[in-house]
Amino acid sequence: MVSQDETSQTLHKRYRLATALALAFTIALGIASPATADTTYNPPSGTWNGKIIYVSQACHDGNDGTPGGPCIPNMGCMSFNENTQSSTTAATTIFGVGTGANLLERGYRAVRGTGTVNQNIANSNAAGAHIHIPLHTNAPGGSWTCSNTTASNKGTLVMYVSTNGSNCSTRLVNRVGPASPGTNDVKAYRTNLGELNSTNAVACYLEAEYHTWNIGVTWIRDEVNWTYRIGWAIDEYLGYP
């Protein structure tokens, strides 16, 4: 169990354990290249805390006018591709080296959704997930300038539709937000997103930071230094099961 203050000593110990676990799971399960739209990873034998976390990678299917169609990338500064980065973020959140305390180390069974939005919703429900977390990065409407350094209109956004989702979102804002370079860290009620409306699990939809400024992209790509905060927030919301 990870302490709430996440001391540097604790993180150092957990970093070393995460490194060993990541290597073992990569070799044993081939997690570097998941071949299906759903891959399930179990924590070390005897450590499962009974909770299942569904990590939903960004796809943005339907941008071509056909819901459930092929994933279309959202591009950002410095050749950023949101779908590609979401895959890296998901991997690091689940089993990554250097996260300090990934989901497996914390005792969670993690299901990694790499399909379309509709597939991930269906698979999350079929898996009996307790929490459903879409992993995204954000972009404002209209034009943007990559060299912009204004932090007050950037930051972490977490969206929800239910009361439990609101509570989960508060934890994510409180843990991921202070690490992101933008300072406008907020949660927002949304009713028009399938991954909030149609999942049986408590859904908290993470937009970790904006990918439309160079500072934000640099931070997002340094996922080994911030994704442990996702697991930390989940631990807090679920009461450290």
Protein backbone atom coordinates (compact mmCIF):
# COMPACT_ATOMS: atom_id res chain seq x y z
CA MET A 1 0.00 0.00 0.00
CA VAL A 2 1.34 3.45 -0.92
CA SER A 3 1.29 6.14 1.74
CA GLN A 4 -0.60 9.29 0.98
CA ASP A 5 2.42 11.57 1.21
CA GLU A 6 4.34 9.53 -1.41
CA THR A 7 7.73 10.27 0.14
CA SER A 8 10.82 10.19 -2.03
CA GLN A 9 12.13 7.15 -0.14
CA THR A 10 8.95 5.23 -0.85
CA LEU A 11 9.04 6.21 -4.51
CA HIS A 12 12.66 5.12 -4.81
CA LYS A 13 11.87 1.69 -3.43
CA ARG A 14 8.82 1.36 -5.63
CA TYR A 15 10.80 2.49 -8.68
CA ARG A 16 13.18 -0.44 -8.25
CA LEU A 17 10.33 -2.91 -7.81
CA ALA A 18 8.45 -1.44 -10.78
CA THR A 19 11.52 -1.90 -12.94
CA ALA A 20 11.74 -5.59 -12.11
CA LEU A 21 8.01 -6.15 -12.55
CA ALA A 22 7.92 -4.32 -15.86
CA LEU A 23 10.70 -6.45 -17.29
CA ALA A 24 9.09 -9.67 -16.09
CA PHE A 25 5.66 -8.81 -17.49
CA THR A 26 7.11 -7.63 -20.79
CA ILE A 27 8.92 -10.91 -21.32
CA ALA A 28 6.13 -13.16 -20.07
CA LEU A 29 3.14 -11.48 -21.68
CA GLY A 30 4.45 -9.60 -24.67
CA ILE A 31 2.95 -6.35 -23.43
CA ALA A 32 5.20 -4.24 -25.59
CA SER A 33 3.02 -5.07 -28.59
CA PRO A 34 -0.55 -5.97 -27.55
CA ALA A 35 -2.19 -7.86 -30.38
CA THR A 36 -5.83 -7.38 -29.43
CA ALA A 37 -8.12 -4.52 -28.52
CA ASP A 38 -8.05 -5.69 -24.94
CA THR A 39 -5.15 -6.98 -22.88
CA THR A 40 -5.44 -7.87 -19.20
CA TYR A 41 -2.49 -7.66 -16.81
CA ASN A 42 -2.53 -9.18 -13.37
CA PRO A 43 -0.47 -8.01 -10.40
CA PRO A 44 2.03 -10.41 -8.83
CA SER A 45 0.45 -13.59 -7.48
CA GLY A 46 -1.28 -13.08 -4.15
CA THR A 47 -1.32 -9.28 -4.33
CA TRP A 48 -4.56 -8.57 -6.22
CA ASN A 49 -6.72 -6.19 -4.20
CA GLY A 50 -9.94 -7.24 -5.94
CA LYS A 51 -10.26 -4.13 -8.10
CA ILE A 52 -10.14 -3.86 -11.90
CA ILE A 53 -9.04 -0.65 -13.62
CA TYR A 54 -9.85 -0.18 -17.30
CA VAL A 55 -7.30 2.05 -19.00
CA SER A 56 -8.79 3.30 -22.27
CA GLN A 57 -6.36 4.60 -24.87
CA ALA A 58 -7.31 7.56 -27.06
CA CYS A 59 -8.76 6.65 -30.45
CA HIS A 60 -11.07 9.47 -31.65
CA ASP A 61 -12.98 7.17 -33.97
CA GLY A 62 -15.95 8.80 -35.63
CA ASN A 63 -14.02 11.89 -36.74
CA ASP A 64 -14.60 10.60 -40.27
CA GLY A 65 -18.35 10.65 -39.71
CA THR A 66 -18.57 6.91 -39.00
CA PRO A 67 -18.81 6.10 -35.27
CA GLY A 68 -16.75 3.04 -34.54
CA GLY A 69 -14.58 3.67 -37.56
CA PRO A 70 -10.78 3.82 -37.67
CA CYS A 71 -8.88 5.83 -35.11
CA ILE A 72 -7.89 9.28 -36.32
CA PRO A 73 -4.95 11.01 -34.62
CA ASN A 74 -5.14 14.40 -32.97
CA MET A 75 -1.90 16.20 -33.74
CA GLY A 76 -0.16 18.80 -31.62
CA CYS A 77 3.11 20.66 -31.25
CA MET A 78 6.48 19.03 -31.89
CA SER A 79 4.90 16.33 -34.11
CA PHE A 80 2.75 15.18 -31.19
CA ASN A 81 0.21 12.42 -31.91
CA GLU A 82 -2.34 12.02 -29.13
CA ASN A 83 -3.19 8.41 -29.96
CA THR A 84 0.45 7.34 -29.98
CA GLN A 85 1.20 9.16 -26.74
CA SER A 86 -1.91 7.72 -25.09
CA SER A 87 -0.55 4.24 -25.79
CA THR A 88 2.73 5.13 -24.10
CA THR A 89 0.94 6.78 -21.19
CA ALA A 90 -1.28 3.71 -20.72
CA ALA A 91 1.69 1.35 -20.73
CA THR A 92 3.56 3.41 -18.16
CA THR A 93 0.48 3.80 -15.96
CA ILE A 94 -0.02 0.03 -15.90
CA PHE A 95 3.46 -1.44 -15.71
CA GLY A 96 5.99 1.21 -16.69
CA VAL A 97 9.55 1.47 -15.50
CA GLY A 98 10.22 4.49 -13.35
CA THR A 99 6.66 5.40 -12.43
CA GLY A 100 7.31 4.93 -8.74
CA ALA A 101 4.13 2.93 -8.21
CA ASN A 102 2.25 1.62 -11.23
CA LEU A 103 -1.18 -0.03 -11.18
CA LEU A 104 0.15 -3.58 -11.01
CA GLU A 105 2.46 -2.76 -8.15
CA ARG A 106 -0.44 -1.20 -6.29
CA GLY A 107 -2.32 -4.49 -6.56
CA TYR A 108 -4.79 -3.68 -9.32
CA ARG A 109 -5.76 -5.86 -12.24
CA ALA A 110 -5.42 -3.58 -15.26
CA VAL A 111 -7.23 -3.97 -18.57
CA ARG A 112 -5.73 -2.00 -21.43
CA GLY A 113 -8.19 -0.99 -24.13
CA THR A 114 -6.61 -0.31 -27.51
CA GLY A 115 -9.73 -0.44 -29.67
CA THR A 116 -12.25 2.11 -30.82
CA VAL A 117 -14.35 4.02 -28.32
CA ASN A 118 -17.30 1.65 -28.74
CA GLN A 119 -15.07 -1.40 -28.37
CA ASN A 120 -13.46 -0.04 -25.22
CA ILE A 121 -16.82 0.74 -23.65
CA ALA A 122 -18.10 -2.76 -24.37
CA ASN A 123 -14.90 -4.40 -23.18
CA SER A 124 -14.80 -2.35 -20.00
CA ASN A 125 -18.31 -3.44 -19.16
CA ALA A 126 -17.55 -7.06 -19.99
CA ALA A 127 -14.46 -6.98 -17.78
CA GLY A 128 -16.44 -5.80 -14.76
CA ALA A 129 -14.16 -2.80 -14.30
CA HIS A 130 -14.49 -0.73 -11.15
CA ILE A 131 -12.95 2.41 -12.67
CA HIS A 132 -12.81 3.40 -16.33
CA ILE A 133 -10.16 5.98 -17.20
CA PRO A 134 -9.80 7.34 -20.74
CA LEU A 135 -6.26 8.72 -21.12
CA HIS A 136 -6.22 11.84 -23.29
CA THR A 137 -4.47 15.16 -23.75
CA ASN A 138 -6.26 18.39 -24.47
CA ALA A 139 -6.55 21.04 -27.18
CA PRO A 140 -8.49 24.31 -27.23
CA GLY A 141 -10.88 25.25 -29.97
CA GLY A 142 -9.53 27.51 -32.69
CA SER A 143 -5.90 28.35 -33.38
CA TRP A 144 -2.97 27.94 -31.02
CA THR A 145 0.71 28.84 -30.90
CA CYS A 146 3.24 26.23 -29.83
CA SER A 147 5.68 28.79 -28.45
CA ASN A 148 3.06 30.22 -26.10
CA THR A 149 4.16 30.14 -22.46
CA THR A 150 0.93 31.26 -20.75
CA ALA A 151 0.14 28.62 -18.15
CA SER A 152 -3.10 30.07 -16.81
CA ASN A 153 -5.25 28.68 -19.64
CA LYS A 154 -3.60 25.25 -19.74
CA GLY A 155 -3.49 22.38 -17.25
CA THR A 156 -5.21 19.17 -16.23
CA LEU A 157 -8.90 18.62 -16.96
CA VAL A 158 -10.88 15.63 -15.67
CA MET A 159 -14.45 15.08 -16.81
CA TYR A 160 -17.28 13.15 -15.15
CA VAL A 161 -21.02 12.54 -15.30
CA SER A 162 -21.81 10.79 -12.00
CA THR A 163 -21.35 11.65 -8.34
CA ASN A 164 -18.77 8.90 -7.95
CA GLY A 165 -17.09 10.07 -11.13
CA SER A 166 -16.90 13.56 -9.65
CA ASN A 167 -15.17 12.21 -6.55
CA CYS A 168 -12.72 10.21 -8.66
CA SER A 169 -12.10 13.29 -10.84
CA THR A 170 -11.32 15.41 -7.79
CA ARG A 171 -8.59 12.96 -6.82
CA LEU A 172 -7.09 13.01 -10.31
CA VAL A 173 -7.14 16.80 -10.48
CA ASN A 174 -5.51 17.02 -7.06
CA ARG A 175 -2.74 14.55 -7.92
CA VAL A 176 -2.02 15.04 -11.63
CA GLY A 177 -2.80 18.75 -11.75
CA PRO A 178 0.04 20.05 -9.54
CA ALA A 179 2.58 18.21 -11.69
CA SER A 180 1.34 19.53 -15.05
CA PRO A 181 2.83 22.83 -16.25
CA GLY A 182 -0.54 24.49 -16.83
CA THR A 183 -2.15 26.04 -13.76
CA ASN A 184 -5.85 25.82 -14.67
CA ASP A 185 -6.44 22.38 -13.16
CA VAL A 186 -10.17 21.68 -13.04
CA LYS A 187 -12.87 19.04 -13.31
CA ALA A 188 -15.96 19.41 -15.48
CA TYR A 189 -19.39 17.82 -15.72
CA ARG A 190 -20.07 16.42 -19.21
CA THR A 191 -23.08 14.54 -20.51
CA ASN A 192 -22.17 13.98 -24.18
CA LEU A 193 -19.27 11.53 -23.97
CA GLY A 194 -19.87 7.81 -24.45
CA GLU A 195 -17.05 6.80 -22.13
CA LEU A 196 -18.80 8.69 -19.34
CA ASN A 197 -22.40 7.79 -20.17
CA SER A 198 -22.14 4.16 -21.24
CA THR A 199 -19.66 2.50 -18.91
CA ASN A 200 -20.81 0.48 -15.92
CA ALA A 201 -17.66 1.43 -14.07
CA VAL A 202 -17.12 4.77 -12.40
CA ALA A 203 -15.72 6.90 -15.22
CA CYS A 204 -13.23 9.74 -14.82
CA TYR A 205 -11.97 11.06 -18.14
CA LEU A 206 -8.43 12.44 -17.93
CA GLU A 207 -7.11 15.21 -20.17
CA ALA A 208 -3.66 15.30 -18.60
CA GLU A 209 -2.40 18.56 -20.16
CA TYR A 210 -2.68 20.52 -23.39
CA HIS A 211 -0.68 19.24 -26.34
CA THR A 212 -0.93 22.59 -28.08
CA TRP A 213 2.07 24.24 -26.45
CA ASN A 214 5.66 23.03 -26.42
CA ILE A 215 5.91 23.15 -22.64
CA GLY A 216 2.88 20.90 -22.31
CA VAL A 217 4.10 18.39 -24.89
CA THR A 218 7.49 18.13 -23.21
CA TRP A 219 5.82 17.36 -19.89
CA ILE A 220 3.36 14.85 -21.35
CA ARG A 221 6.19 12.94 -23.03
CA ASP A 222 7.98 12.63 -19.70
CA GLU A 223 5.32 10.15 -18.59
CA VAL A 224 7.64 8.14 -16.36
CA ASN A 225 7.71 11.07 -13.95
CA TRP A 226 3.97 11.71 -13.61
CA THR A 227 1.83 8.66 -14.47
CA TYR A 228 2.28 7.17 -10.99
CA ARG A 229 -0.02 9.99 -9.89
CA ILE A 230 -2.91 8.30 -11.70
CA GLY A 231 -2.52 5.20 -9.53
CA TRP A 232 -2.10 7.40 -6.48
CA ALA A 233 -5.42 9.13 -7.21
CA ILE A 234 -7.14 5.78 -7.74
CA ASP A 235 -5.76 4.51 -4.46
CA GLU A 236 -7.11 7.54 -2.65
CA TYR A 237 -10.53 7.32 -4.28
CA LEU A 238 -10.91 3.60 -3.52
CA GLY A 239 -9.50 3.92 -0.01
CA TYR A 240 -6.25 2.04 -0.64
CA PRO A 241 -7.80 -1.43 -1.16
